[in-house]
């Protein structure tokens, strides 16, 4: 872990990813195993939010970032969707990038 307290895992440190639906469940889980022994289990709603953020940034001609924050959508969730969702924060990209730069130690060149 760096001095910022943020762990950076390059693809070479990801040893295995297992996508699976547990018995008795409907939604996919993702087990990610890292070279330092960390095992991370992500639920489908989390990965769906990450995929949405990736697509919204990677294929947009000008967008440089997007921030999603956890929100309880209560009864507004569509059928089959988790009540707790990662949704767009509405913060300006510049503000988000400044915060990330501070967290990673200006520039984030180690990312």
PDB file of N, CA and C in Angstrom:
ATOM      1  N   UNK A   1       0.855  -1.177   0.000  1.00  0.00           N
ATOM      2  CA  UNK A   1       0.000   0.000   0.000  1.00  0.00           C
ATOM      3  C   UNK A   1       0.892   1.228   0.000  1.00  0.00           C
ATOM      4  N   UNK A   2       0.547   2.185  -0.829  1.00  0.00           N
ATOM      5  CA  UNK A   2       1.325   3.413  -0.931  1.00  0.00           C
ATOM      6  C   UNK A   2       1.116   4.315   0.269  1.00  0.00           C
ATOM      7  N   UNK A   3       1.865   5.397   0.315  1.00  0.00           N
ATOM      8  CA  UNK A   3       1.773   6.331   1.434  1.00  0.00           C
ATOM      9  C   UNK A   3       0.406   6.998   1.501  1.00  0.00           C
ATOM     10  N   UNK A   4      -0.331   6.978   0.392  1.00  0.00           N
ATOM     11  CA  UNK A   4      -1.659   7.582   0.370  1.00  0.00           C
ATOM     12  C   UNK A   4      -2.713   6.668   0.975  1.00  0.00           C
ATOM     13  N   UNK A   5      -2.359   5.414   1.264  1.00  0.00           N
ATOM     14  CA  UNK A   5      -3.329   4.457   1.780  1.00  0.00           C
ATOM     15  C   UNK A   5      -4.155   3.813   0.684  1.00  0.00           C
ATOM     16  N   UNK A   6      -3.860   4.115  -0.567  1.00  0.00           N
ATOM     17  CA  UNK A   6      -4.585   3.558  -1.706  1.00  0.00           C
ATOM     18  C   UNK A   6      -3.768   2.412  -2.283  1.00  0.00           C
ATOM     19  N   UNK A   7      -4.395   1.253  -2.429  1.00  0.00           N
ATOM     20  CA  UNK A   7      -3.735   0.108  -3.056  1.00  0.00           C
ATOM     21  C   UNK A   7      -3.968   0.166  -4.561  1.00  0.00           C
ATOM     22  N   UNK A   8      -2.902  -0.013  -5.322  1.00  0.00           N
ATOM     23  CA  UNK A   8      -2.997  -0.059  -6.781  1.00  0.00           C
ATOM     24  C   UNK A   8      -2.700  -1.489  -7.207  1.00  0.00           C
ATOM     25  N   UNK A   9      -3.637  -2.090  -7.937  1.00  0.00           N
ATOM     26  CA  UNK A   9      -3.473  -3.451  -8.417  1.00  0.00           C
ATOM     27  C   UNK A   9      -3.411  -3.454  -9.934  1.00  0.00           C
ATOM     28  N   UNK A  10      -2.202  -3.567 -10.507  1.00  0.00           N
ATOM     29  CA  UNK A  10      -2.121  -3.695 -11.962  1.00  0.00           C
ATOM     30  C   UNK A  10      -2.702  -5.050 -12.375  1.00  0.00           C
ATOM     31  N   UNK A  11      -3.036  -5.174 -13.629  1.00  0.00           N
ATOM     32  CA  UNK A  11      -3.616  -6.411 -14.121  1.00  0.00           C
ATOM     33  C   UNK A  11      -2.720  -7.613 -13.826  1.00  0.00           C
ATOM     34  N   UNK A  12      -1.405  -7.398 -13.808  1.00  0.00           N
ATOM     35  CA  UNK A  12      -0.469  -8.492 -13.533  1.00  0.00           C
ATOM     36  C   UNK A  12      -0.594  -9.027 -12.109  1.00  0.00           C
ATOM     37  N   UNK A  13      -1.262  -8.287 -11.231  1.00  0.00           N
ATOM     38  CA  UNK A  13      -1.440  -8.708  -9.842  1.00  0.00           C
ATOM     39  C   UNK A  13      -2.796  -9.382  -9.614  1.00  0.00           C
ATOM     40  N   UNK A  14      -3.643  -9.377 -10.619  1.00  0.00           N
ATOM     41  CA  UNK A  14      -4.930 -10.070 -10.511  1.00  0.00           C
ATOM     42  C   UNK A  14      -4.690 -11.517 -10.913  1.00  0.00           C
ATOM     43  N   UNK A  15      -4.812 -12.422  -9.943  1.00  0.00           N
ATOM     44  CA  UNK A  15      -4.527 -13.828 -10.211  1.00  0.00           C
ATOM     45  C   UNK A  15      -5.726 -14.578 -10.759  1.00  0.00           C
ATOM     46  N   UNK A  16      -6.934 -14.176 -10.350  1.00  0.00           N
ATOM     47  CA  UNK A  16      -8.112 -14.919 -10.790  1.00  0.00           C
ATOM     48  C   UNK A  16      -9.359 -14.086 -10.573  1.00  0.00           C
ATOM     49  N   UNK A  17     -10.297 -14.227 -11.490  1.00  0.00           N
ATOM     50  CA  UNK A  17     -11.631 -13.649 -11.346  1.00  0.00           C
ATOM     51  C   UNK A  17     -12.623 -14.782 -11.589  1.00  0.00           C
ATOM     52  N   UNK A  18     -13.543 -14.963 -10.653  1.00  0.00           N
ATOM     53  CA  UNK A  18     -14.580 -15.976 -10.797  1.00  0.00           C
ATOM     54  C   UNK A  18     -15.928 -15.267 -10.761  1.00  0.00           C
ATOM     55  N   UNK A  19     -16.703 -15.415 -11.826  1.00  0.00           N
ATOM     56  CA  UNK A  19     -18.078 -14.905 -11.856  1.00  0.00           C
ATOM     57  C   UNK A  19     -18.994 -16.102 -11.609  1.00  0.00           C
ATOM     58  N   UNK A  20     -19.923 -15.955 -10.682  1.00  0.00           N
ATOM     59  CA  UNK A  20     -20.786 -17.091 -10.351  1.00  0.00           C
ATOM     60  C   UNK A  20     -22.106 -16.605  -9.764  1.00  0.00           C
ATOM     61  N   UNK A  21     -23.110 -17.441  -9.878  1.00  0.00           N
ATOM     62  CA  UNK A  21     -24.402 -17.194  -9.236  1.00  0.00           C
ATOM     63  C   UNK A  21     -24.519 -18.217  -8.111  1.00  0.00           C
ATOM     64  N   UNK A  22     -24.548 -17.765  -6.869  1.00  0.00           N
ATOM     65  CA  UNK A  22     -24.646 -18.707  -5.751  1.00  0.00           C
ATOM     66  C   UNK A  22     -25.971 -19.474  -5.793  1.00  0.00           C
ATOM     67  N   UNK A  23     -25.974 -20.702  -5.312  1.00  0.00           N
ATOM     68  CA  UNK A  23     -27.222 -21.469  -5.264  1.00  0.00           C
ATOM     69  C   UNK A  23     -28.303 -20.696  -4.513  1.00  0.00           C
ATOM     70  N   UNK A  24     -29.486 -20.655  -5.081  1.00  0.00           N
ATOM     71  CA  UNK A  24     -30.606 -19.968  -4.451  1.00  0.00           C
ATOM     72  C   UNK A  24     -30.657 -18.474  -4.706  1.00  0.00           C
ATOM     73  N   UNK A  25     -29.731 -17.952  -5.506  1.00  0.00           N
ATOM     74  CA  UNK A  25     -29.686 -16.522  -5.819  1.00  0.00           C
ATOM     75  C   UNK A  25     -29.916 -16.300  -7.307  1.00  0.00           C
ATOM     76  N   UNK A  26     -30.201 -15.044  -7.684  1.00  0.00           N
ATOM     77  CA  UNK A  26     -30.418 -14.689  -9.092  1.00  0.00           C
ATOM     78  C   UNK A  26     -29.289 -13.861  -9.670  1.00  0.00           C
ATOM     79  N   UNK A  27     -28.530 -13.217  -8.831  1.00  0.00           N
ATOM     80  CA  UNK A  27     -27.553 -12.244  -9.307  1.00  0.00           C
ATOM     81  C   UNK A  27     -26.123 -12.772  -9.220  1.00  0.00           C
ATOM     82  N   UNK A  28     -25.312 -12.314 -10.159  1.00  0.00           N
ATOM     83  CA  UNK A  28     -23.919 -12.740 -10.266  1.00  0.00           C
ATOM     84  C   UNK A  28     -23.078 -12.102  -9.160  1.00  0.00           C
ATOM     85  N   UNK A  29     -22.135 -12.855  -8.656  1.00  0.00           N
ATOM     86  CA  UNK A  29     -21.112 -12.355  -7.738  1.00  0.00           C
ATOM     87  C   UNK A  29     -19.774 -12.481  -8.460  1.00  0.00           C
ATOM     88  N   UNK A  30     -18.816 -11.676  -8.064  1.00  0.00           N
ATOM     89  CA  UNK A  30     -17.488 -11.695  -8.676  1.00  0.00           C
ATOM     90  C   UNK A  30     -16.448 -11.807  -7.573  1.00  0.00           C
ATOM     91  N   UNK A  31     -15.700 -12.898  -7.599  1.00  0.00           N
ATOM     92  CA  UNK A  31     -14.602 -13.092  -6.666  1.00  0.00           C
ATOM     93  C   UNK A  31     -13.318 -12.731  -7.400  1.00  0.00           C
ATOM     94  N   UNK A  32     -12.585 -11.759  -6.860  1.00  0.00           N
ATOM     95  CA  UNK A  32     -11.327 -11.321  -7.461  1.00  0.00           C
ATOM     96  C   UNK A  32     -10.218 -11.637  -6.463  1.00  0.00           C
ATOM     97  N   UNK A  33      -9.224 -12.400  -6.930  1.00  0.00           N
ATOM     98  CA  UNK A  33      -8.100 -12.784  -6.074  1.00  0.00           C
ATOM     99  C   UNK A  33      -6.836 -12.089  -6.563  1.00  0.00           C
ATOM    100  N   UNK A  34      -6.124 -11.457  -5.622  1.00  0.00           N
ATOM    101  CA  UNK A  34      -4.939 -10.669  -5.947  1.00  0.00           C
ATOM    102  C   UNK A  34      -3.662 -11.363  -5.487  1.00  0.00           C
ATOM    103  N   UNK A  35      -2.541 -10.926  -6.030  1.00  0.00           N
ATOM    104  CA  UNK A  35      -1.230 -11.534  -5.767  1.00  0.00           C
ATOM    105  C   UNK A  35      -0.796 -11.421  -4.309  1.00  0.00           C
ATOM    106  N   UNK A  36      -1.358 -10.483  -3.553  1.00  0.00           N
ATOM    107  CA  UNK A  36      -0.978 -10.339  -2.142  1.00  0.00           C
ATOM    108  C   UNK A  36      -1.887 -11.128  -1.208  1.00  0.00           C
ATOM    109  N   UNK A  37      -2.779 -11.946  -1.802  1.00  0.00           N
ATOM    110  CA  UNK A  37      -3.669 -12.775  -1.000  1.00  0.00           C
ATOM    111  C   UNK A  37      -5.036 -12.170  -0.749  1.00  0.00           C
ATOM    112  N   UNK A  38      -5.220 -10.889  -1.068  1.00  0.00           N
ATOM    113  CA  UNK A  38      -6.523 -10.263  -0.877  1.00  0.00           C
ATOM    114  C   UNK A  38      -7.550 -10.935  -1.776  1.00  0.00           C
ATOM    115  N   UNK A  39      -8.705 -11.237  -1.213  1.00  0.00           N
ATOM    116  CA  UNK A  39      -9.835 -11.759  -1.976  1.00  0.00           C
ATOM    117  C   UNK A  39     -10.977 -10.770  -1.813  1.00  0.00           C
ATOM    118  N   UNK A  40     -11.498 -10.317  -2.925  1.00  0.00           N
ATOM    119  CA  UNK A  40     -12.550  -9.306  -2.933  1.00  0.00           C
ATOM    120  C   UNK A  40     -13.785  -9.911  -3.585  1.00  0.00           C
ATOM    121  N   UNK A  41     -14.925  -9.868  -2.902  1.00  0.00           N
ATOM    122  CA  UNK A  41     -16.175 -10.381  -3.451  1.00  0.00           C
ATOM    123  C   UNK A  41     -17.092  -9.197  -3.738  1.00  0.00           C
ATOM    124  N   UNK A  42     -17.426  -9.013  -5.004  1.00  0.00           N
ATOM    125  CA  UNK A  42     -18.280  -7.904  -5.427  1.00  0.00           C
ATOM    126  C   UNK A  42     -19.635  -8.432  -5.867  1.00  0.00           C
ATOM    127  N   UNK A  43     -20.676  -7.718  -5.514  1.00  0.00           N
ATOM    128  CA  UNK A  43     -22.011  -8.086  -5.964  1.00  0.00           C
ATOM    129  C   UNK A  43     -22.277  -7.495  -7.341  1.00  0.00           C
ATOM    130  N   UNK A  44     -23.262  -8.063  -8.014  1.00  0.00           N
ATOM    131  CA  UNK A  44     -23.589  -7.654  -9.381  1.00  0.00           C
ATOM    132  C   UNK A  44     -23.875  -6.164  -9.492  1.00  0.00           C
ATOM    133  N   UNK A  45     -24.600  -5.600  -8.542  1.00  0.00           N
ATOM    134  CA  UNK A  45     -24.949  -4.174  -8.617  1.00  0.00           C
ATOM    135  C   UNK A  45     -23.697  -3.298  -8.594  1.00  0.00           C
ATOM    136  N   UNK A  46     -22.685  -3.713  -7.841  1.00  0.00           N
ATOM    137  CA  UNK A  46     -21.433  -2.956  -7.787  1.00  0.00           C
ATOM    138  C   UNK A  46     -20.714  -3.009  -9.125  1.00  0.00           C
ATOM    139  N   UNK A  47     -20.604  -4.209  -9.687  1.00  0.00           N
ATOM    140  CA  UNK A  47     -19.928  -4.368 -10.972  1.00  0.00           C
ATOM    141  C   UNK A  47     -20.711  -3.661 -12.071  1.00  0.00           C
ATOM    142  N   UNK A  48     -22.036  -3.702 -12.007  1.00  0.00           N
ATOM    143  CA  UNK A  48     -22.852  -2.986 -12.999  1.00  0.00           C
ATOM    144  C   UNK A  48     -22.559  -1.490 -12.947  1.00  0.00           C
ATOM    145  N   UNK A  49     -22.424  -0.941 -11.751  1.00  0.00           N
ATOM    146  CA  UNK A  49     -22.081   0.477 -11.614  1.00  0.00           C
ATOM    147  C   UNK A  49     -20.707   0.777 -12.177  1.00  0.00           C
ATOM    148  N   UNK A  50     -19.747  -0.102 -11.917  1.00  0.00           N
ATOM    149  CA  UNK A  50     -18.395   0.083 -12.452  1.00  0.00           C
ATOM    150  C   UNK A  50     -18.417   0.021 -13.974  1.00  0.00           C
ATOM    151  N   UNK A  51     -19.170  -0.921 -14.532  1.00  0.00           N
ATOM    152  CA  UNK A  51     -19.269  -1.046 -15.996  1.00  0.00           C
ATOM    153  C   UNK A  51     -19.922   0.198 -16.594  1.00  0.00           C
ATOM    154  N   UNK A  52     -20.968   0.706 -15.946  1.00  0.00           N
ATOM    155  CA  UNK A  52     -21.612   1.937 -16.442  1.00  0.00           C
ATOM    156  C   UNK A  52     -20.635   3.104 -16.412  1.00  0.00           C
ATOM    157  N   UNK A  53     -19.882   3.228 -15.325  1.00  0.00           N
ATOM    158  CA  UNK A  53     -18.905   4.317 -15.216  1.00  0.00           C
ATOM    159  C   UNK A  53     -17.812   4.164 -16.270  1.00  0.00           C
ATOM    160  N   UNK A  54     -17.372   2.940 -16.499  1.00  0.00           N
ATOM    161  CA  UNK A  54     -16.350   2.687 -17.513  1.00  0.00           C
ATOM    162  C   UNK A  54     -16.864   3.105 -18.888  1.00  0.00           C
ATOM    163  N   UNK A  55     -18.049   2.636 -19.240  1.00  0.00           N
ATOM    164  CA  UNK A  55     -18.606   2.955 -20.561  1.00  0.00           C
ATOM    165  C   UNK A  55     -18.846   4.453 -20.707  1.00  0.00           C
ATOM    166  N   UNK A  56     -19.358   5.084 -19.669  1.00  0.00           N
ATOM    167  CA  UNK A  56     -19.665   6.519 -19.737  1.00  0.00           C
ATOM    168  C   UNK A  56     -18.405   7.362 -19.903  1.00  0.00           C
ATOM    169  N   UNK A  57     -17.268   6.835 -19.478  1.00  0.00           N
ATOM    170  CA  UNK A  57     -16.005   7.564 -19.592  1.00  0.00           C
ATOM    171  C   UNK A  57     -15.208   7.136 -20.826  1.00  0.00           C
ATOM    172  N   UNK A  58     -15.058   5.843 -21.021  1.00  0.00           N
ATOM    173  CA  UNK A  58     -14.183   5.322 -22.082  1.00  0.00           C
ATOM    174  C   UNK A  58     -14.684   5.633 -23.488  1.00  0.00           C
ATOM    175  N   UNK A  59     -16.000   5.595 -23.704  1.00  0.00           N
ATOM    176  CA  UNK A  59     -16.500   5.781 -25.073  1.00  0.00           C
ATOM    177  C   UNK A  59     -17.069   7.174 -25.322  1.00  0.00           C
ATOM    178  N   UNK A  60     -16.979   8.046 -24.330  1.00  0.00           N
ATOM    179  CA  UNK A  60     -17.452   9.420 -24.503  1.00  0.00           C
ATOM    180  C   UNK A  60     -16.328  10.244 -25.128  1.00  0.00           C
ATOM    181  N   UNK A  61     -16.636  11.089 -26.108  1.00  0.00           N
ATOM    182  CA  UNK A  61     -15.571  11.813 -26.804  1.00  0.00           C
ATOM    183  C   UNK A  61     -14.846  12.874 -25.968  1.00  0.00           C
ATOM    184  N   UNK A  62     -15.471  13.384 -24.918  1.00  0.00           N
ATOM    185  CA  UNK A  62     -14.813  14.442 -24.138  1.00  0.00           C
ATOM    186  C   UNK A  62     -14.751  14.171 -22.636  1.00  0.00           C
ATOM    187  N   UNK A  63     -15.567  13.300 -22.121  1.00  0.00           N
ATOM    188  CA  UNK A  63     -15.620  13.071 -20.671  1.00  0.00           C
ATOM    189  C   UNK A  63     -14.320  12.439 -20.187  1.00  0.00           C
ATOM    190  N   UNK A  64     -13.765  12.972 -19.108  1.00  0.00           N
ATOM    191  CA  UNK A  64     -12.521  12.474 -18.523  1.00  0.00           C
ATOM    192  C   UNK A  64     -12.760  11.691 -17.227  1.00  0.00           C
ATOM    193  N   UNK A  65     -13.942  11.854 -16.640  1.00  0.00           N
ATOM    194  CA  UNK A  65     -14.226  11.128 -15.405  1.00  0.00           C
ATOM    195  C   UNK A  65     -15.723  11.158 -15.124  1.00  0.00           C
ATOM    196  N   UNK A  66     -16.127  10.292 -14.230  1.00  0.00           N
ATOM    197  CA  UNK A  66     -17.487  10.296 -13.703  1.00  0.00           C
ATOM    198  C   UNK A  66     -17.388   9.751 -12.282  1.00  0.00           C
ATOM    199  N   UNK A  67     -18.164  10.290 -11.394  1.00  0.00           N
ATOM    200  CA  UNK A  67     -18.163   9.823 -10.009  1.00  0.00           C
ATOM    201  C   UNK A  67     -19.523   9.230  -9.702  1.00  0.00           C
ATOM    202  N   UNK A  68     -19.524   8.013  -9.183  1.00  0.00           N
ATOM    203  CA  UNK A  68     -20.750   7.380  -8.722  1.00  0.00           C
ATOM    204  C   UNK A  68     -20.700   7.304  -7.203  1.00  0.00           C
ATOM    205  N   UNK A  69     -21.838   7.522  -6.569  1.00  0.00           N
ATOM    206  CA  UNK A  69     -21.926   7.436  -5.111  1.00  0.00           C
ATOM    207  C   UNK A  69     -23.084   6.517  -4.746  1.00  0.00           C
ATOM    208  N   UNK A  70     -22.942   5.846  -3.604  1.00  0.00           N
ATOM    209  CA  UNK A  70     -23.985   4.935  -3.150  1.00  0.00           C
ATOM    210  C   UNK A  70     -25.216   5.690  -2.685  1.00  0.00           C
ATOM    211  N   UNK A  71     -26.350   5.255  -3.205  1.00  0.00           N
ATOM    212  CA  UNK A  71     -27.630   5.868  -2.828  1.00  0.00           C
ATOM    213  C   UNK A  71     -28.680   4.781  -2.628  1.00  0.00           C
ATOM    214  N   UNK A  72     -29.548   4.986  -1.672  1.00  0.00           N
ATOM    215  CA  UNK A  72     -30.687   4.095  -1.465  1.00  0.00           C
ATOM    216  C   UNK A  72     -31.828   4.635  -2.311  1.00  0.00           C
ATOM    217  N   UNK A  73     -32.215   3.885  -3.340  1.00  0.00           N
ATOM    218  CA  UNK A  73     -33.277   4.356  -4.235  1.00  0.00           C
ATOM    219  C   UNK A  73     -34.653   3.905  -3.765  1.00  0.00           C
ATOM    220  N   UNK A  74     -34.702   3.143  -2.683  1.00  0.00           N
ATOM    221  CA  UNK A  74     -35.965   2.730  -2.096  1.00  0.00           C
ATOM    222  C   UNK A  74     -36.898   2.070  -3.084  1.00  0.00           C
ATOM    223  N   UNK A  75     -38.146   2.492  -3.069  1.00  0.00           N
ATOM    224  CA  UNK A  75     -39.167   1.924  -3.934  1.00  0.00           C
ATOM    225  C   UNK A  75     -39.065   2.347  -5.382  1.00  0.00           C
ATOM    226  N   UNK A  76     -38.120   3.230  -5.716  1.00  0.00           N
ATOM    227  CA  UNK A  76     -37.970   3.687  -7.094  1.00  0.00           C
ATOM    228  C   UNK A  76     -37.184   2.707  -7.962  1.00  0.00           C
ATOM    229  N   UNK A  77     -36.541   1.722  -7.349  1.00  0.00           N
ATOM    230  CA  UNK A  77     -35.735   0.766  -8.118  1.00  0.00           C
ATOM    231  C   UNK A  77     -36.625  -0.055  -9.039  1.00  0.00           C
ATOM    232  N   UNK A  78     -36.147  -0.258 -10.256  1.00  0.00           N
ATOM    233  CA  UNK A  78     -36.866  -1.107 -11.201  1.00  0.00           C
ATOM    234  C   UNK A  78     -36.858  -2.543 -10.675  1.00  0.00           C
ATOM    235  N   UNK A  79     -37.842  -3.348 -11.073  1.00  0.00           N
ATOM    236  CA  UNK A  79     -37.865  -4.745 -10.630  1.00  0.00           C
ATOM    237  C   UNK A  79     -36.551  -5.453 -10.965  1.00  0.00           C
ATOM    238  N   UNK A  80     -36.034  -6.199 -10.000  1.00  0.00           N
ATOM    239  CA  UNK A  80     -34.791  -6.932 -10.194  1.00  0.00           C
ATOM    240  C   UNK A  80     -33.547  -6.136  -9.857  1.00  0.00           C
ATOM    241  N   UNK A  81     -33.704  -4.839  -9.595  1.00  0.00           N
ATOM    242  CA  UNK A  81     -32.557  -3.993  -9.256  1.00  0.00           C
ATOM    243  C   UNK A  81     -32.415  -3.897  -7.739  1.00  0.00           C
ATOM    244  N   UNK A  82     -31.178  -3.811  -7.284  1.00  0.00           N
ATOM    245  CA  UNK A  82     -30.913  -3.653  -5.857  1.00  0.00           C
ATOM    246  C   UNK A  82     -31.430  -2.297  -5.377  1.00  0.00           C
ATOM    247  N   UNK A  83     -31.826  -2.254  -4.126  1.00  0.00           N
ATOM    248  CA  UNK A  83     -32.316  -1.007  -3.538  1.00  0.00           C
ATOM    249  C   UNK A  83     -31.186   0.014  -3.406  1.00  0.00           C
ATOM    250  N   UNK A  84     -29.976  -0.467  -3.130  1.00  0.00           N
ATOM    251  CA  UNK A  84     -28.808   0.412  -2.991  1.00  0.00           C
ATOM    252  C   UNK A  84     -28.059   0.411  -4.315  1.00  0.00           C
ATOM    253  N   UNK A  85     -27.901   1.585  -4.918  1.00  0.00           N
ATOM    254  CA  UNK A  85     -27.283   1.700  -6.240  1.00  0.00           C
ATOM    255  C   UNK A  85     -26.142   2.708  -6.223  1.00  0.00           C
ATOM    256  N   UNK A  86     -25.219   2.534  -7.162  1.00  0.00           N
ATOM    257  CA  UNK A  86     -24.187   3.533  -7.423  1.00  0.00           C
ATOM    258  C   UNK A  86     -24.720   4.444  -8.518  1.00  0.00           C
ATOM    259  N   UNK A  87     -24.940   5.710  -8.179  1.00  0.00           N
ATOM    260  CA  UNK A  87     -25.527   6.672  -9.118  1.00  0.00           C
ATOM    261  C   UNK A  87     -24.609   7.877  -9.287  1.00  0.00           C
ATOM    262  N   UNK A  88     -24.759   8.559 -10.405  1.00  0.00           N
ATOM    263  CA  UNK A  88     -23.948   9.727 -10.708  1.00  0.00           C
ATOM    264  C   UNK A  88     -24.100  10.774  -9.610  1.00  0.00           C
ATOM    265  N   UNK A  89     -22.963  11.319  -9.176  1.00  0.00           N
ATOM    266  CA  UNK A  89     -22.992  12.310  -8.096  1.00  0.00           C
ATOM    267  C   UNK A  89     -23.379  13.694  -8.591  1.00  0.00           C
ATOM    268  N   UNK A  90     -23.081  13.980  -9.848  1.00  0.00           N
ATOM    269  CA  UNK A  90     -23.339  15.311 -10.386  1.00  0.00           C
ATOM    270  C   UNK A  90     -22.197  16.290 -10.150  1.00  0.00           C
ATOM    271  N   UNK A  91     -21.139  15.858  -9.444  1.00  0.00           N
ATOM    272  CA  UNK A  91     -19.990  16.743  -9.221  1.00  0.00           C
ATOM    273  C   UNK A  91     -19.257  16.987 -10.529  1.00  0.00           C
ATOM    274  N   UNK A  92     -18.663  18.151 -10.637  1.00  0.00           N
ATOM    275  CA  UNK A  92     -17.872  18.503 -11.815  1.00  0.00           C
ATOM    276  C   UNK A  92     -16.624  17.627 -11.881  1.00  0.00           C
ATOM    277  N   UNK A  93     -16.262  17.249 -13.086  1.00  0.00           N
ATOM    278  CA  UNK A  93     -15.110  16.375 -13.300  1.00  0.00           C
ATOM    279  C   UNK A  93     -13.829  16.983 -12.719  1.00  0.00           C
ATOM    280  N   UNK A  94     -13.622  18.262 -12.903  1.00  0.00           N
ATOM    281  CA  UNK A  94     -12.419  18.908 -12.383  1.00  0.00           C
ATOM    282  C   UNK A  94     -12.289  18.748 -10.887  1.00  0.00           C
ATOM    283  N   UNK A  95     -13.395  18.909 -10.183  1.00  0.00           N
ATOM    284  CA  UNK A  95     -13.404  18.764  -8.727  1.00  0.00           C
ATOM    285  C   UNK A  95     -13.071  17.322  -8.328  1.00  0.00           C
ATOM    286  N   UNK A  96     -13.652  16.365  -9.040  1.00  0.00           N
ATOM    287  CA  UNK A  96     -13.400  14.950  -8.751  1.00  0.00           C
ATOM    288  C   UNK A  96     -11.934  14.608  -9.016  1.00  0.00           C
ATOM    289  N   UNK A  97     -11.401  15.067 -10.149  1.00  0.00           N
ATOM    290  CA  UNK A  97     -10.006  14.779 -10.491  1.00  0.00           C
ATOM    291  C   UNK A  97      -9.029  15.415  -9.502  1.00  0.00           C
ATOM    292  N   UNK A  98      -9.352  16.604  -9.003  1.00  0.00           N
ATOM    293  CA  UNK A  98      -8.505  17.235  -7.984  1.00  0.00           C
ATOM    294  C   UNK A  98      -8.457  16.379  -6.722  1.00  0.00           C
ATOM    295  N   UNK A  99      -9.620  15.887  -6.306  1.00  0.00           N
ATOM    296  CA  UNK A  99      -9.679  15.047  -5.111  1.00  0.00           C
ATOM    297  C   UNK A  99      -8.877  13.761  -5.313  1.00  0.00           C
ATOM    298  N   UNK A 100      -9.045  13.123  -6.459  1.00  0.00           N
ATOM    299  CA  UNK A 100      -8.303  11.894  -6.749  1.00  0.00           C
ATOM    300  C   UNK A 100      -6.802  12.179  -6.789  1.00  0.00           C
ATOM    301  N   UNK A 101      -6.415  13.305  -7.372  1.00  0.00           N
ATOM    302  CA  UNK A 101      -5.004  13.689  -7.405  1.00  0.00           C
ATOM    303  C   UNK A 101      -4.423  13.823  -6.016  1.00  0.00           C
ATOM    304  N   UNK A 102      -5.202  14.429  -5.096  1.00  0.00           N
ATOM    305  CA  UNK A 102      -4.739  14.559  -3.709  1.00  0.00           C
ATOM    306  C   UNK A 102      -4.607  13.178  -3.056  1.00  0.00           C
ATOM    307  N   UNK A 103      -5.582  12.303  -3.286  1.00  0.00           N
ATOM    308  CA  UNK A 103      -5.547  10.961  -2.697  1.00  0.00           C
ATOM    309  C   UNK A 103      -4.356  10.150  -3.188  1.00  0.00           C
ATOM    310  N   UNK A 104      -4.031  10.302  -4.464  1.00  0.00           N
ATOM    311  CA  UNK A 104      -2.967   9.499  -5.066  1.00  0.00           C
ATOM    312  C   UNK A 104      -1.617  10.189  -5.033  1.00  0.00           C
ATOM    313  N   UNK A 105      -1.585  11.416  -4.554  1.00  0.00           N
ATOM    314  CA  UNK A 105      -0.328  12.158  -4.535  1.00  0.00           C
ATOM    315  C   UNK A 105      -0.091  12.805  -5.873  1.00  0.00           C
ATOM    316  N   UNK A 106      -0.749  13.903  -6.095  1.00  0.00           N
ATOM    317  CA  UNK A 106      -0.723  14.700  -7.338  1.00  0.00           C
ATOM    318  C   UNK A 106      -0.199  13.972  -8.561  1.00  0.00           C
ATOM    319  N   UNK A 107      -1.049  13.923  -9.534  1.00  0.00           N
ATOM    320  CA  UNK A 107      -0.694  13.327 -10.816  1.00  0.00           C
ATOM    321  C   UNK A 107      -1.082  11.868 -10.924  1.00  0.00           C
ATOM    322  N   UNK A 108      -1.048  11.153  -9.819  1.00  0.00           N
ATOM    323  CA  UNK A 108      -1.411   9.750  -9.843  1.00  0.00           C
ATOM    324  C   UNK A 108      -0.600   8.930 -10.828  1.00  0.00           C
ATOM    325  N   UNK A 109       0.672   9.313 -11.028  1.00  0.00           N
ATOM    326  CA  UNK A 109       1.495   8.642 -12.035  1.00  0.00           C
ATOM    327  C   UNK A 109       1.758   7.182 -11.702  1.00  0.00           C
ATOM    328  N   UNK A 110       1.569   6.794 -10.445  1.00  0.00           N
ATOM    329  CA  UNK A 110       1.796   5.399 -10.073  1.00  0.00           C
ATOM    330  C   UNK A 110       0.618   4.509 -10.422  1.00  0.00           C
ATOM    331  N   UNK A 111      -0.457   5.114 -10.903  1.00  0.00           N
ATOM    332  CA  UNK A 111      -1.642   4.331 -11.238  1.00  0.00           C
ATOM    333  C   UNK A 111      -1.381   3.675 -12.513  1.00  0.00           C
TER     334      UNK A 111
END
